[in-house]
């Protein structure tokens, strides 16, 4: 008979291997939906926070204006996807024709926060300290809060909310489509051991200070700076509907400007693409679209 200790070891080993395999999802076929008047670049650069080379995709107007800097929309993908997901799954490239720069960082299967247990997985620092400065060095990206928005789908929606609430000085608009907004609330589930271990390793034990520090529900309560405008969507057939409704209600209760939209549909690009026009309209309304003039020495 297998001993309890061996059983625990076997489960831990399987879960660890599953987590390792999920850190770098395989690249999906690259079929970006581009339109006339934009160009696309994939940039590989070294991330000091992660200690390895990473990549992000940029879609920007073509030609670029002769002077000035352009508003930026930072687009975060979900679990099991890559930096290619937004451009392959939607017509988001059309947004660049309105004079915006779209940036799609690769984040593997991260939760967009610094890991509580693995100091090498500093995914929040990767975005804030590596990706954003690198984009601003290479492209005419505006730095003003009123010209920066962060948007995510699924786990990326969770990331967009957490990043925007932790760094409200950087973004005036934050949006989540089918956000896994309750990620930091989730306890261990034996039906999903590898995912549960990933959550525990990233956020720390239930009730810990590290959990609270990356929980959007807790971050709202402790917000001491002007918040971004929040735009939230979710499909009516999704298991994520209830936590998104709860998050939207808490935003309203706290007096944080926001809107929440739900339509029939599941957790997929079919539903997200039907929500996208409304999100884009709100984003264009809340961002300052005039170019930020470059200050000459």
Protein backbone atom coordinates (compact mmCIF):
# COMPACT_ATOMS: atom_id res chain seq x y z
CA UNK A 1 0.00 0.00 0.00
CA UNK A 2 1.33 3.46 -0.89
CA UNK A 3 2.21 5.47 2.21
CA UNK A 4 0.51 8.84 2.90
CA UNK A 5 3.92 10.55 2.71
CA UNK A 6 4.57 9.09 -0.75
CA UNK A 7 1.07 10.11 -1.87
CA UNK A 8 1.69 13.68 -0.73
CA UNK A 9 5.06 13.70 -2.48
CA UNK A 10 3.55 12.36 -5.70
CA UNK A 11 0.79 14.98 -5.69
CA UNK A 12 3.28 17.77 -4.98
CA UNK A 13 5.61 16.58 -7.72
CA UNK A 14 2.83 16.35 -10.30
CA UNK A 15 1.55 19.80 -9.35
CA UNK A 16 5.03 21.31 -9.51
CA UNK A 17 5.63 19.83 -12.94
CA UNK A 18 2.28 21.14 -14.12
CA UNK A 19 3.16 24.60 -12.89
CA UNK A 20 6.52 24.57 -14.62
CA UNK A 21 4.89 23.51 -17.86
CA UNK A 22 2.36 26.35 -17.59
CA UNK A 23 4.90 29.14 -17.13
CA UNK A 24 5.55 29.39 -20.86
CA UNK A 25 2.45 28.62 -22.94
CA UNK A 26 3.22 27.44 -26.48
CA UNK A 27 3.04 30.12 -29.15
CA UNK A 28 -0.25 30.11 -30.97
CA UNK A 29 -0.33 30.54 -34.77
CA UNK A 30 0.32 34.17 -35.52
CA UNK A 31 -2.47 35.66 -37.65
CA UNK A 32 -2.84 39.27 -36.52
CA UNK A 33 -5.80 41.26 -37.78
CA UNK A 34 -4.15 44.40 -39.13
CA UNK A 35 -5.71 47.28 -41.03
CA UNK A 36 -4.50 50.02 -43.32
CA UNK A 37 -2.86 52.86 -41.45
CA UNK A 38 -1.12 50.83 -38.74
CA UNK A 39 2.11 48.89 -38.35
CA UNK A 40 3.11 46.16 -35.94
CA UNK A 41 6.41 45.45 -34.20
CA UNK A 42 7.43 42.62 -31.87
CA UNK A 43 10.17 43.71 -29.48
CA UNK A 44 12.43 41.31 -27.60
CA UNK A 45 14.23 42.83 -24.63
CA UNK A 46 15.82 41.83 -21.34
CA UNK A 47 13.71 42.02 -18.20
CA UNK A 48 15.76 42.74 -15.10
CA UNK A 49 12.80 41.87 -12.88
CA UNK A 50 12.47 38.37 -14.35
CA UNK A 51 16.11 37.84 -15.25
CA UNK A 52 15.39 36.72 -18.81
CA UNK A 53 14.48 37.98 -22.25
CA UNK A 54 10.81 38.77 -22.84
CA UNK A 55 8.75 40.05 -25.76
CA UNK A 56 5.94 42.50 -26.32
CA UNK A 57 3.90 43.45 -29.38
CA UNK A 58 3.22 47.03 -30.41
CA UNK A 59 0.66 48.28 -32.91
CA UNK A 60 0.88 51.97 -33.74
CA UNK A 61 -0.29 54.46 -36.35
CA UNK A 62 1.56 54.47 -39.65
CA UNK A 63 2.81 57.01 -40.43
CA UNK A 64 3.51 58.41 -37.00
CA UNK A 65 2.90 62.12 -36.39
CA UNK A 66 5.93 64.29 -37.04
CA UNK A 67 6.02 65.50 -33.43
CA UNK A 68 4.34 64.79 -30.15
CA UNK A 69 3.65 61.66 -28.15
CA UNK A 70 0.64 59.39 -28.38
CA UNK A 71 -1.72 57.91 -25.77
CA UNK A 72 -1.05 54.28 -24.87
CA UNK A 73 -3.32 51.32 -24.20
CA UNK A 74 -1.61 48.48 -22.33
CA UNK A 75 -3.35 45.19 -23.20
CA UNK A 76 -2.92 42.17 -20.91
CA UNK A 77 -3.67 38.63 -22.08
CA UNK A 78 -5.22 35.79 -20.10
CA UNK A 79 -3.87 32.50 -18.78
CA UNK A 80 -2.67 30.05 -21.40
CA UNK A 81 -2.27 32.83 -23.97
CA UNK A 82 0.55 35.05 -25.20
CA UNK A 83 1.26 38.57 -26.40
CA UNK A 84 -0.32 37.53 -29.73
CA UNK A 85 -3.78 36.92 -28.30
CA UNK A 86 -5.26 40.42 -28.56
CA UNK A 87 -4.14 41.02 -32.14
CA UNK A 88 -5.12 37.50 -33.29
CA UNK A 89 -8.43 37.24 -31.47
CA UNK A 90 -9.87 40.69 -32.12
CA UNK A 91 -9.81 43.72 -34.39
CA UNK A 92 -8.14 45.81 -31.69
CA UNK A 93 -5.60 47.05 -34.27
CA UNK A 94 -8.28 49.40 -35.63
CA UNK A 95 -7.97 51.38 -32.39
CA UNK A 96 -4.46 52.46 -33.41
CA UNK A 97 -5.94 54.35 -36.37
CA UNK A 98 -7.38 56.76 -33.78
CA UNK A 99 -3.87 57.88 -32.88
CA UNK A 100 -3.11 55.45 -30.04
CA UNK A 101 -0.24 53.06 -29.37
CA UNK A 102 -1.29 49.54 -28.37
CA UNK A 103 1.16 47.50 -26.28
CA UNK A 104 0.69 43.77 -25.64
CA UNK A 105 3.28 42.39 -23.19
CA UNK A 106 3.91 38.67 -22.92
CA UNK A 107 3.32 37.46 -19.37
CA UNK A 108 3.23 33.68 -19.66
CA UNK A 109 0.88 32.24 -17.05
CA UNK A 110 1.64 34.89 -14.46
CA UNK A 111 -0.91 36.60 -12.24
CA UNK A 112 0.61 40.05 -12.94
CA UNK A 113 1.78 40.41 -9.33
CA UNK A 114 5.07 39.72 -7.57
CA UNK A 115 5.11 36.18 -6.19
CA UNK A 116 4.93 35.83 -2.42
CA UNK A 117 7.13 32.72 -2.45
CA UNK A 118 9.39 32.96 -5.51
CA UNK A 119 11.45 36.13 -5.62
CA UNK A 120 12.34 35.44 -9.26
CA UNK A 121 8.70 35.82 -10.34
CA UNK A 122 8.37 39.59 -10.06
CA UNK A 123 5.65 40.03 -12.66
CA UNK A 124 4.34 43.36 -11.37
CA UNK A 125 7.87 44.80 -11.41
CA UNK A 126 8.29 43.39 -14.91
CA UNK A 127 5.38 45.46 -16.18
CA UNK A 128 6.01 48.64 -14.22
CA UNK A 129 9.82 48.77 -14.16
CA UNK A 130 10.75 46.97 -17.40
CA UNK A 131 7.98 46.99 -20.03
CA UNK A 132 6.67 50.52 -19.58
CA UNK A 133 10.11 52.22 -19.54
CA UNK A 134 11.29 50.13 -22.52
CA UNK A 135 8.25 51.11 -24.59
CA UNK A 136 8.76 54.76 -23.71
CA UNK A 137 12.39 54.61 -24.81
CA UNK A 138 11.61 53.07 -28.19
CA UNK A 139 8.28 54.65 -29.15
CA UNK A 140 6.58 58.07 -28.88
CA UNK A 141 4.50 56.97 -25.90
CA UNK A 142 2.85 59.63 -23.74
CA UNK A 143 3.67 59.45 -20.04
CA UNK A 144 0.74 61.38 -18.61
CA UNK A 145 -1.83 59.55 -16.50
CA UNK A 146 -4.67 60.94 -18.62
CA UNK A 147 -3.09 59.37 -21.72
CA UNK A 148 -2.58 55.85 -20.41
CA UNK A 149 -5.12 53.03 -20.09
CA UNK A 150 -4.73 49.41 -18.99
CA UNK A 151 -7.08 46.69 -20.24
CA UNK A 152 -7.12 42.92 -19.72
CA UNK A 153 -9.11 39.79 -20.43
CA UNK A 154 -9.67 36.97 -17.94
CA UNK A 155 -6.57 36.74 -15.73
CA UNK A 156 -5.30 39.82 -17.56
CA UNK A 157 -8.44 41.61 -16.38
CA UNK A 158 -7.48 40.74 -12.83
CA UNK A 159 -3.99 42.05 -13.58
CA UNK A 160 -5.35 45.29 -15.04
CA UNK A 161 -7.43 45.92 -11.92
CA UNK A 162 -4.60 45.15 -9.50
CA UNK A 163 -2.00 47.18 -11.41
CA UNK A 164 -4.36 50.15 -11.81
CA UNK A 165 -5.30 50.13 -8.12
CA UNK A 166 -1.69 49.76 -6.97
CA UNK A 167 -0.45 52.43 -9.39
CA UNK A 168 -3.38 54.82 -9.88
CA UNK A 169 -0.96 57.62 -10.75
CA UNK A 170 -0.13 55.83 -14.01
CA UNK A 171 -3.57 55.15 -15.53
CA UNK A 172 -6.78 57.14 -15.90
CA UNK A 173 -8.73 54.20 -17.38
CA UNK A 174 -8.79 50.51 -16.44
CA UNK A 175 -10.91 47.79 -18.03
CA UNK A 176 -11.46 44.11 -17.49
CA UNK A 177 -13.31 41.71 -19.77
CA UNK A 178 -14.40 38.56 -17.95
CA UNK A 179 -11.86 39.35 -15.25
CA UNK A 180 -10.77 36.61 -12.88
CA UNK A 181 -11.32 39.31 -10.30
CA UNK A 182 -11.63 36.93 -7.34
CA UNK A 183 -8.25 35.28 -7.93
CA UNK A 184 -6.77 36.34 -4.58
CA UNK A 185 -9.85 35.03 -2.74
CA UNK A 186 -9.58 31.48 -4.03
CA UNK A 187 -8.73 28.72 -1.56
CA UNK A 188 -7.15 25.34 -2.31
CA UNK A 189 -9.29 23.10 -4.51
CA UNK A 190 -8.41 19.42 -4.87
CA UNK A 191 -10.16 19.32 -8.25
CA UNK A 192 -7.55 21.78 -9.52
CA UNK A 193 -4.40 21.10 -7.46
CA UNK A 194 -1.83 22.64 -9.79
CA UNK A 195 -3.82 25.86 -10.20
CA UNK A 196 -4.43 25.99 -6.45
CA UNK A 197 -0.72 25.58 -5.72
CA UNK A 198 0.04 28.36 -8.21
CA UNK A 199 -2.39 30.67 -6.45
CA UNK A 200 -1.02 29.83 -2.99
CA UNK A 201 2.59 30.24 -4.10
CA UNK A 202 1.82 33.56 -5.80
CA UNK A 203 -0.43 35.19 -3.21
CA UNK A 204 0.57 33.41 -0.02
CA UNK A 205 -1.68 31.62 2.51
CA UNK A 206 -5.34 32.57 2.89
CA UNK A 207 -5.70 35.63 5.11
CA UNK A 208 -2.04 36.64 4.74
CA UNK A 209 -0.91 40.21 4.19
CA UNK A 210 0.48 39.23 0.79
CA UNK A 211 -3.01 38.04 -0.24
CA UNK A 212 -4.58 41.30 0.88
CA UNK A 213 -1.92 43.34 -0.95
CA UNK A 214 -2.98 41.89 -4.32
CA UNK A 215 -6.73 41.57 -3.77
CA UNK A 216 -8.71 44.13 -5.82
CA UNK A 217 -11.54 44.09 -3.27
CA UNK A 218 -9.10 45.02 -0.49
CA UNK A 219 -7.22 47.53 -2.65
CA UNK A 220 -10.42 49.48 -3.32
CA UNK A 221 -11.02 49.85 0.40
CA UNK A 222 -7.51 51.22 0.99
CA UNK A 223 -7.26 53.51 -2.04
CA UNK A 224 -5.96 56.96 -1.10
CA UNK A 225 -5.38 58.44 -4.57
CA UNK A 226 -7.81 59.35 -7.36
CA UNK A 227 -8.84 56.05 -8.96
CA UNK A 228 -8.99 55.32 -12.68
CA UNK A 229 -12.30 55.00 -14.44
CA UNK A 230 -13.30 51.32 -14.48
CA UNK A 231 -15.03 49.57 -17.39
CA UNK A 232 -16.06 45.97 -16.66
CA UNK A 233 -17.74 43.31 -18.78
CA UNK A 234 -18.67 39.66 -18.32
CA UNK A 235 -20.70 37.00 -20.13
CA UNK A 236 -23.93 35.86 -18.54
CA UNK A 237 -22.97 32.19 -18.86
CA UNK A 238 -19.62 32.59 -17.09
CA UNK A 239 -18.73 31.36 -13.63
CA UNK A 240 -16.94 34.70 -13.22
CA UNK A 241 -20.19 36.66 -13.44
CA UNK A 242 -20.91 36.69 -9.69
CA UNK A 243 -17.50 38.02 -8.55
CA UNK A 244 -17.56 40.65 -11.30
CA UNK A 245 -21.02 41.78 -10.22
CA UNK A 246 -19.74 41.97 -6.66
CA UNK A 247 -16.68 43.98 -7.69
CA UNK A 248 -18.81 46.37 -9.76
CA UNK A 249 -21.12 46.85 -6.77
CA UNK A 250 -18.17 47.63 -4.50
CA UNK A 251 -16.85 50.21 -6.98
CA UNK A 252 -20.26 51.87 -6.99
CA UNK A 253 -20.51 51.73 -3.20
CA UNK A 254 -17.11 53.43 -2.89
CA UNK A 255 -18.13 56.13 -5.37
CA UNK A 256 -15.49 55.10 -7.91
CA UNK A 257 -16.58 56.07 -11.46
CA UNK A 258 -17.30 52.87 -13.35
CA UNK A 259 -19.67 50.92 -15.56
CA UNK A 260 -20.46 47.23 -15.84
CA UNK A 261 -21.93 45.42 -18.85
CA UNK A 262 -23.07 41.85 -19.23
CA UNK A 263 -24.42 40.08 -22.32
CA UNK A 264 -25.23 36.46 -23.16
CA UNK A 265 -22.09 34.46 -23.82
CA UNK A 266 -19.21 32.49 -22.41
CA UNK A 267 -15.52 32.94 -21.70
CA UNK A 268 -14.30 33.42 -25.28
CA UNK A 269 -13.49 35.90 -28.01
CA UNK A 270 -16.98 35.64 -29.46
CA UNK A 271 -18.39 37.31 -26.37
CA UNK A 272 -15.42 39.66 -25.87
CA UNK A 273 -15.58 40.92 -29.46
CA UNK A 274 -19.24 41.81 -28.99
CA UNK A 275 -18.28 43.80 -25.89
CA UNK A 276 -15.26 45.46 -27.46
CA UNK A 277 -17.00 48.36 -29.30
CA UNK A 278 -18.53 49.60 -26.05
CA UNK A 279 -15.20 49.34 -24.25
CA UNK A 280 -13.40 51.22 -27.02
CA UNK A 281 -16.00 53.98 -27.06
CA UNK A 282 -15.66 54.48 -23.30
CA UNK A 283 -11.86 54.39 -23.52
CA UNK A 284 -11.80 57.06 -26.23
CA UNK A 285 -14.14 59.18 -24.13
CA UNK A 286 -11.97 59.01 -21.01
CA UNK A 287 -8.47 59.29 -22.49
CA UNK A 288 -6.97 62.60 -23.56
CA UNK A 289 -6.36 61.93 -27.25
CA UNK A 290 -4.48 65.06 -28.23
CA UNK A 291 -0.78 64.41 -28.67
CA UNK A 292 1.58 65.26 -25.83
CA UNK A 293 4.14 67.70 -27.18
CA UNK A 294 7.76 66.69 -26.88
CA UNK A 295 9.76 69.08 -24.71
CA UNK A 296 12.95 70.10 -26.46
CA UNK A 297 16.08 70.87 -24.41
